[in-house]
Amino acid sequence: MTRSDPTVEFLMRASRFCREQADDLHGLLGPILDSTAPASAPATRDHKELLSSVRSADRQELWSRAALACLHMAVHVTDHVRALGVLLDQPQVGVPVYAHASLARSAVEAAALLMHVLAEGQPFEARFSRGVALLIADAGMAAKSAARVPSNAYMASPEAAVAKEKEQLLTLIERARIELVSNRSGDRVKGVRVTAGGPETSIEVKATDLVQRAFADLPEVYGMLSGVVHGLPWRLGDSAQVHGRQAVWQAHPMEAGGSVLAAVTAAGRAGASFALYRGFGDEPAVAGMRARAKACDEALRRYGESCGALAGKQPSIARFLAPQ
């Protein structure tokens, strides 16, 4: 492929979309965090609720940890979207067959979880309970993984230290007068109630559900990306041409473009969610990221039409959907 090749031009533009979106998200986070949230911002109202709540100091500590987790997620999205831009930066040299989907799925999943915790348009109780549930789930997964790492001649197993951190978190939660709801057998925490008699928030959330809710306008984006990430044949076979004992794998620009659209959209929504929570939803960068996602969608559509990829083509799974 040469630089004048329409496919090269499309992929180079897709790369720019990713890098510019990552730059805007990174540039948005710093000023927002350094600025004082306006009085009308959800963050300001949440802080007032915390100050007037029971066990205020303990609850502030918990929400601070949850907010930091959200910041980690936003940086995670930025990192993966930028990496996708780098991956597609030199299409003349080569385009990945599958790797773009892994980066896009990571960005989409983190953005969906961030949006879930910040719970736009919902009361602080929803955000707080989801944040505490996230902390518990995270501590549980850390303890489970640490328990599987054995000691060796050079270092002790991290099991004891991580288990202690988990117990300290649960102690803090109980001290904050947050009810821990156990399962029927009583051997694990399955939910929390941040107000007496209030609704229970489950510790376990499914990434599939979060992504479907946050990206409903990108039908089955999680399943399509996950099919590649998990190495499932129904998502890998389209990129292979097999003739007897000979096989060739070729990158599909439309597949790469679809991953770019998902990743750029994720970055835009993660940025908007964070900005809205802090009361800076009218920042030009928010509108700019939203416009870039639309431009990416349009570029993908135009390229698909120009190369015939959208002209009555059926996906490989059509044979499974056709009536027998």
Protein backbone atom coordinates (compact mmCIF):
# COMPACT_ATOMS: atom_id res chain seq x y z
CA MET A 1 0.00 0.00 0.00
CA THR A 2 1.15 3.56 -0.74
CA ARG A 3 0.24 6.81 0.95
CA SER A 4 -2.12 7.72 -1.92
CA ASP A 5 -4.01 4.45 -1.47
CA PRO A 6 -7.56 5.21 -0.16
CA THR A 7 -7.15 2.48 2.47
CA VAL A 8 -3.90 4.01 3.72
CA GLU A 9 -5.51 7.45 3.85
CA PHE A 10 -8.47 6.07 5.78
CA LEU A 11 -6.31 4.25 8.32
CA MET A 12 -4.01 7.24 8.79
CA ARG A 13 -7.06 9.37 9.46
CA ALA A 14 -8.33 6.74 11.91
CA SER A 15 -4.97 6.89 13.67
CA ARG A 16 -5.25 10.68 13.95
CA PHE A 17 -8.76 10.38 15.38
CA CYS A 18 -7.40 8.18 18.16
CA ARG A 19 -4.37 10.31 18.97
CA GLU A 20 -6.31 13.57 18.94
CA GLN A 21 -9.10 12.08 21.06
CA ALA A 22 -6.58 10.81 23.60
CA ASP A 23 -4.88 14.21 23.67
CA ASP A 24 -8.18 15.97 24.29
CA LEU A 25 -9.19 13.60 27.06
CA HIS A 26 -5.81 13.95 28.75
CA GLY A 27 -5.95 17.71 28.37
CA LEU A 28 -9.47 17.82 29.82
CA LEU A 29 -8.77 15.84 33.00
CA GLY A 30 -5.99 18.03 34.41
CA PRO A 31 -7.77 21.41 34.41
CA ILE A 32 -11.00 19.84 35.65
CA LEU A 33 -9.26 18.27 38.63
CA ASP A 34 -7.28 21.44 39.35
CA SER A 35 -10.37 23.67 39.26
CA THR A 36 -12.96 24.19 41.95
CA ALA A 37 -16.23 22.59 40.93
CA PRO A 38 -19.08 25.15 40.62
CA ALA A 39 -21.90 25.13 43.16
CA SER A 40 -24.30 23.50 40.68
CA ALA A 41 -21.99 20.56 39.92
CA PRO A 42 -22.95 17.05 41.06
CA ALA A 43 -19.51 16.82 42.68
CA THR A 44 -20.25 19.86 44.85
CA ARG A 45 -23.68 18.58 45.87
CA ASP A 46 -22.19 15.17 46.67
CA HIS A 47 -19.57 16.78 48.89
CA LYS A 48 -22.25 18.65 50.82
CA GLU A 49 -24.13 15.41 51.35
CA LEU A 50 -21.00 13.74 52.63
CA LEU A 51 -20.32 16.57 55.08
CA SER A 52 -23.80 16.22 56.55
CA SER A 53 -23.90 12.42 56.57
CA VAL A 54 -23.32 10.04 59.46
CA ARG A 55 -19.70 9.00 59.94
CA SER A 56 -18.76 11.80 57.55
CA ALA A 57 -14.98 11.34 57.66
CA ASP A 58 -15.19 7.62 56.93
CA ARG A 59 -17.64 8.14 54.10
CA GLN A 60 -15.49 10.89 52.60
CA GLU A 61 -12.55 8.50 52.64
CA LEU A 62 -14.55 5.83 50.82
CA TRP A 63 -15.85 8.22 48.17
CA SER A 64 -12.34 9.62 47.72
CA ARG A 65 -11.10 6.12 46.94
CA ALA A 66 -13.95 5.51 44.51
CA ALA A 67 -13.31 8.84 42.77
CA LEU A 68 -9.64 7.98 42.43
CA ALA A 69 -10.65 4.67 40.87
CA CYS A 70 -12.71 6.61 38.32
CA LEU A 71 -9.69 8.75 37.52
CA HIS A 72 -7.65 5.59 36.97
CA MET A 73 -10.32 4.42 34.52
CA ALA A 74 -10.22 7.69 32.58
CA VAL A 75 -6.43 7.48 32.26
CA HIS A 76 -6.81 3.84 31.23
CA VAL A 77 -9.15 4.88 28.42
CA THR A 78 -6.73 7.61 27.32
CA ASP A 79 -3.82 5.18 27.30
CA HIS A 80 -5.56 2.54 25.21
CA VAL A 81 -7.01 4.97 22.69
CA ARG A 82 -3.58 6.54 22.22
CA ALA A 83 -2.02 3.08 21.84
CA LEU A 84 -4.57 2.25 19.14
CA GLY A 85 -3.57 5.41 17.29
CA VAL A 86 0.09 4.39 17.46
CA LEU A 87 -0.77 0.87 16.30
CA LEU A 88 -2.35 2.22 13.11
CA ASP A 89 0.16 5.00 12.58
CA GLN A 90 2.01 3.37 9.65
CA PRO A 91 -0.50 1.43 7.56
CA GLN A 92 1.97 1.43 4.65
CA VAL A 93 4.17 -0.86 6.75
CA GLY A 94 1.42 -3.06 8.16
CA VAL A 95 -1.97 -3.15 9.85
CA PRO A 96 -2.77 -5.50 12.75
CA VAL A 97 -5.17 -8.28 11.95
CA TYR A 98 -6.74 -8.56 15.41
CA ALA A 99 -4.85 -6.52 18.04
CA HIS A 100 -6.86 -3.34 17.48
CA ALA A 101 -9.93 -5.02 19.02
CA SER A 102 -8.14 -5.71 22.31
CA LEU A 103 -7.26 -2.04 22.75
CA ALA A 104 -10.76 -0.90 21.81
CA ARG A 105 -12.46 -3.31 24.18
CA SER A 106 -10.31 -2.17 27.10
CA ALA A 107 -11.26 1.45 26.42
CA VAL A 108 -14.96 0.63 26.03
CA GLU A 109 -15.13 -1.46 29.20
CA ALA A 110 -13.32 1.11 31.36
CA ALA A 111 -15.47 3.95 30.03
CA ALA A 112 -18.65 1.99 30.74
CA LEU A 113 -17.57 1.27 34.32
CA LEU A 114 -16.64 4.92 34.84
CA MET A 115 -20.05 6.02 33.59
CA HIS A 116 -21.72 3.43 35.80
CA VAL A 117 -20.04 4.72 38.97
CA LEU A 118 -20.57 8.43 38.20
CA ALA A 119 -24.25 7.68 37.46
CA GLU A 120 -25.17 10.79 35.53
CA GLY A 121 -28.57 12.19 36.47
CA GLN A 122 -28.94 10.00 39.54
CA PRO A 123 -28.74 10.90 43.24
CA PHE A 124 -25.54 10.65 45.25
CA GLU A 125 -26.80 7.51 46.94
CA ALA A 126 -26.51 5.67 43.63
CA ARG A 127 -22.97 6.88 43.00
CA PHE A 128 -21.82 6.25 46.54
CA SER A 129 -23.24 2.74 46.72
CA ARG A 130 -21.78 1.82 43.34
CA GLY A 131 -18.42 3.25 44.36
CA VAL A 132 -18.36 1.26 47.59
CA ALA A 133 -19.46 -1.88 45.73
CA LEU A 134 -16.62 -1.36 43.26
CA LEU A 135 -14.08 -1.05 46.09
CA ILE A 136 -15.29 -4.30 47.65
CA ALA A 137 -15.28 -6.18 44.35
CA ASP A 138 -11.83 -4.86 43.54
CA ALA A 139 -10.44 -5.85 46.94
CA GLY A 140 -11.97 -9.30 46.57
CA MET A 141 -10.38 -9.87 43.17
CA ALA A 142 -7.01 -8.65 44.46
CA ALA A 143 -7.17 -11.01 47.44
CA LYS A 144 -8.20 -13.93 45.24
CA SER A 145 -5.29 -13.35 42.88
CA ALA A 146 -2.79 -12.80 45.69
CA ALA A 147 -3.81 -16.09 47.31
CA ARG A 148 -2.75 -17.91 44.15
CA VAL A 149 0.78 -16.50 44.18
CA PRO A 150 3.06 -18.83 46.17
CA SER A 151 6.07 -17.81 48.20
CA ASN A 152 9.49 -18.50 46.74
CA ALA A 153 13.12 -18.10 47.74
CA TYR A 154 13.10 -14.41 46.87
CA MET A 155 9.77 -13.10 48.11
CA ALA A 156 6.87 -13.99 50.33
CA SER A 157 3.40 -14.55 48.96
CA PRO A 158 1.37 -11.31 48.85
CA GLU A 159 -1.67 -13.17 50.21
CA ALA A 160 -1.41 -12.00 53.83
CA ALA A 161 -0.79 -8.34 53.00
CA VAL A 162 -3.59 -8.12 50.44
CA ALA A 163 -6.01 -10.00 52.69
CA LYS A 164 -5.23 -7.49 55.45
CA GLU A 165 -5.98 -4.58 53.10
CA LYS A 166 -9.31 -6.15 52.25
CA GLU A 167 -10.24 -6.59 55.90
CA GLN A 168 -9.26 -2.98 56.63
CA LEU A 169 -11.55 -1.83 53.81
CA LEU A 170 -14.47 -3.86 55.14
CA THR A 171 -13.82 -2.47 58.62
CA LEU A 172 -13.87 1.08 57.24
CA ILE A 173 -17.15 0.36 55.43
CA GLU A 174 -18.79 -1.04 58.56
CA ARG A 175 -17.48 1.89 60.61
CA ALA A 176 -19.12 4.20 58.07
CA ARG A 177 -22.43 2.49 58.98
CA ILE A 178 -22.83 0.91 55.58
CA GLU A 179 -24.57 -2.43 55.66
CA LEU A 180 -22.72 -5.34 54.11
CA VAL A 181 -25.23 -7.83 52.72
CA SER A 182 -24.03 -11.43 52.74
CA ASN A 183 -25.12 -14.25 50.49
CA ARG A 184 -27.31 -17.06 51.81
CA SER A 185 -24.40 -19.16 52.99
CA GLY A 186 -22.83 -16.14 54.67
CA ASP A 187 -19.38 -16.74 53.22
CA ARG A 188 -19.13 -13.62 51.05
CA VAL A 189 -20.49 -10.10 50.67
CA LYS A 190 -22.95 -9.82 47.79
CA GLY A 191 -24.23 -6.27 48.21
CA VAL A 192 -24.25 -3.03 50.20
CA ARG A 193 -26.82 -0.60 51.56
CA VAL A 194 -25.50 2.89 52.18
CA THR A 195 -28.73 4.02 53.88
CA ALA A 196 -30.75 2.08 56.42
CA GLY A 197 -33.64 0.37 54.69
CA GLY A 198 -32.44 1.63 51.32
CA PRO A 199 -31.96 -0.37 48.13
CA GLU A 200 -29.24 -2.98 47.93
CA THR A 201 -26.47 -2.43 45.40
CA SER A 202 -24.90 -5.60 44.08
CA ILE A 203 -21.16 -6.10 44.34
CA GLU A 204 -21.12 -7.96 41.05
CA VAL A 205 -21.75 -6.07 37.84
CA LYS A 206 -21.45 -7.59 34.38
CA ALA A 207 -19.30 -5.73 31.91
CA THR A 208 -21.67 -6.86 29.16
CA ASP A 209 -24.60 -5.10 30.82
CA LEU A 210 -22.64 -1.92 31.51
CA VAL A 211 -21.39 -1.65 27.93
CA GLN A 212 -24.79 -2.39 26.42
CA ARG A 213 -26.27 0.40 28.51
CA ALA A 214 -23.49 2.94 27.87
CA PHE A 215 -23.06 2.13 24.16
CA ALA A 216 -26.57 1.16 23.10
CA ASP A 217 -26.05 3.01 19.80
CA LEU A 218 -23.18 0.66 18.93
CA PRO A 219 -25.11 -2.64 18.86
CA GLU A 220 -23.24 -5.63 20.26
CA VAL A 221 -19.95 -3.72 20.34
CA TYR A 222 -18.84 -5.61 23.46
CA GLY A 223 -19.66 -9.03 22.06
CA MET A 224 -17.95 -8.29 18.73
CA LEU A 225 -14.78 -7.02 20.40
CA SER A 226 -14.82 -9.76 23.03
CA GLY A 227 -15.11 -12.42 20.36
CA VAL A 228 -11.74 -11.30 19.04
CA VAL A 229 -10.15 -10.86 22.47
CA HIS A 230 -11.15 -14.38 23.51
CA GLY A 231 -9.91 -15.85 20.24
CA LEU A 232 -13.28 -17.22 19.15
CA PRO A 233 -13.40 -18.60 15.60
CA TRP A 234 -16.60 -16.79 14.64
CA ARG A 235 -14.74 -13.48 14.98
CA LEU A 236 -11.37 -14.62 13.65
CA GLY A 237 -12.38 -16.55 10.56
CA ASP A 238 -13.30 -13.55 8.42
CA SER A 239 -9.66 -12.44 8.35
CA ALA A 240 -8.35 -15.79 7.09
CA GLN A 241 -8.30 -17.35 3.68
CA VAL A 242 -7.73 -21.10 3.86
CA HIS A 243 -7.07 -23.26 0.82
CA GLY A 244 -6.07 -26.78 1.67
CA ARG A 245 -2.90 -26.58 3.74
CA GLN A 246 -2.30 -22.97 2.83
CA ALA A 247 -3.65 -20.13 4.96
CA VAL A 248 -3.26 -16.37 4.76
CA TRP A 249 -4.41 -13.82 7.33
CA GLN A 250 -5.16 -10.31 6.14
CA ALA A 251 -6.16 -7.20 8.03
CA HIS A 252 -9.63 -5.82 7.32
CA PRO A 253 -9.61 -1.99 7.30
CA MET A 254 -13.31 -1.95 8.20
CA GLU A 255 -12.62 -4.11 11.27
CA ALA A 256 -9.83 -1.77 12.34
CA GLY A 257 -12.08 1.21 11.66
CA GLY A 258 -14.82 -0.30 13.77
CA SER A 259 -12.39 -0.65 16.68
CA VAL A 260 -11.33 2.96 16.21
CA LEU A 261 -14.95 4.13 16.27
CA ALA A 262 -15.59 2.20 19.49
CA ALA A 263 -12.44 3.52 21.15
CA VAL A 264 -12.93 7.14 20.09
CA THR A 265 -16.55 7.00 21.26
CA ALA A 266 -15.44 5.55 24.60
CA ALA A 267 -12.95 8.36 25.13
CA GLY A 268 -15.54 10.98 24.30
CA ARG A 269 -18.08 9.56 26.72
CA ALA A 270 -15.55 9.05 29.49
CA GLY A 271 -14.48 12.67 29.15
CA ALA A 272 -18.05 13.94 29.06
CA SER A 273 -19.00 11.88 32.11
CA PHE A 274 -16.08 13.18 34.14
CA ALA A 275 -16.62 16.77 32.98
CA LEU A 276 -20.35 16.73 33.70
CA TYR A 277 -19.77 15.34 37.17
CA ARG A 278 -17.30 18.09 37.98
CA GLY A 279 -19.57 20.77 36.46
CA PHE A 280 -17.55 21.45 33.31
CA GLY A 281 -19.80 19.78 30.77
CA ASP A 282 -19.74 22.87 28.53
CA GLU A 283 -15.97 22.73 28.04
CA PRO A 284 -15.05 23.03 24.34
CA ALA A 285 -13.04 19.80 24.57
CA VAL A 286 -16.20 17.86 25.45
CA ALA A 287 -17.98 19.10 22.34
CA GLY A 288 -14.83 18.54 20.31
CA MET A 289 -14.54 14.89 21.35
CA ARG A 290 -18.21 14.31 20.61
CA ALA A 291 -17.79 15.85 17.14
CA ARG A 292 -14.69 13.75 16.49
CA ALA A 293 -16.58 10.55 17.26
CA LYS A 294 -19.26 11.57 14.75
CA ALA A 295 -16.58 12.39 12.17
CA CYS A 296 -15.02 8.99 12.76
CA ASP A 297 -18.37 7.31 12.21
CA GLU A 298 -18.88 9.24 8.97
CA ALA A 299 -15.37 8.44 7.74
CA LEU A 300 -15.95 4.75 8.38
CA ARG A 301 -19.26 4.86 6.51
CA ARG A 302 -17.75 6.68 3.53
CA TYR A 303 -14.82 4.30 3.32
CA GLY A 304 -17.12 1.27 3.58
CA GLU A 305 -19.26 2.56 0.75
CA SER A 306 -16.29 3.45 -1.46
CA CYS A 307 -14.69 0.02 -1.17
CA GLY A 308 -17.96 -1.90 -1.44
CA ALA A 309 -17.77 -3.25 2.12
CA LEU A 310 -21.30 -2.02 2.85
CA ALA A 311 -22.87 -3.07 -0.43
CA GLY A 312 -25.08 -5.97 0.56
CA LYS A 313 -22.32 -7.94 2.24
CA GLN A 314 -23.42 -10.47 4.84
CA PRO A 315 -21.40 -11.20 7.97
CA SER A 316 -19.97 -14.69 8.37
CA ILE A 317 -22.45 -15.47 11.15
CA ALA A 318 -25.37 -15.07 8.72
CA ARG A 319 -25.32 -18.80 8.07
CA PHE A 320 -26.10 -19.39 11.75
CA LEU A 321 -29.00 -16.94 11.63
CA ALA A 322 -30.59 -18.18 8.41
CA PRO A 323 -33.71 -20.33 8.81
CA GLN A 324 -33.13 -24.06 8.31
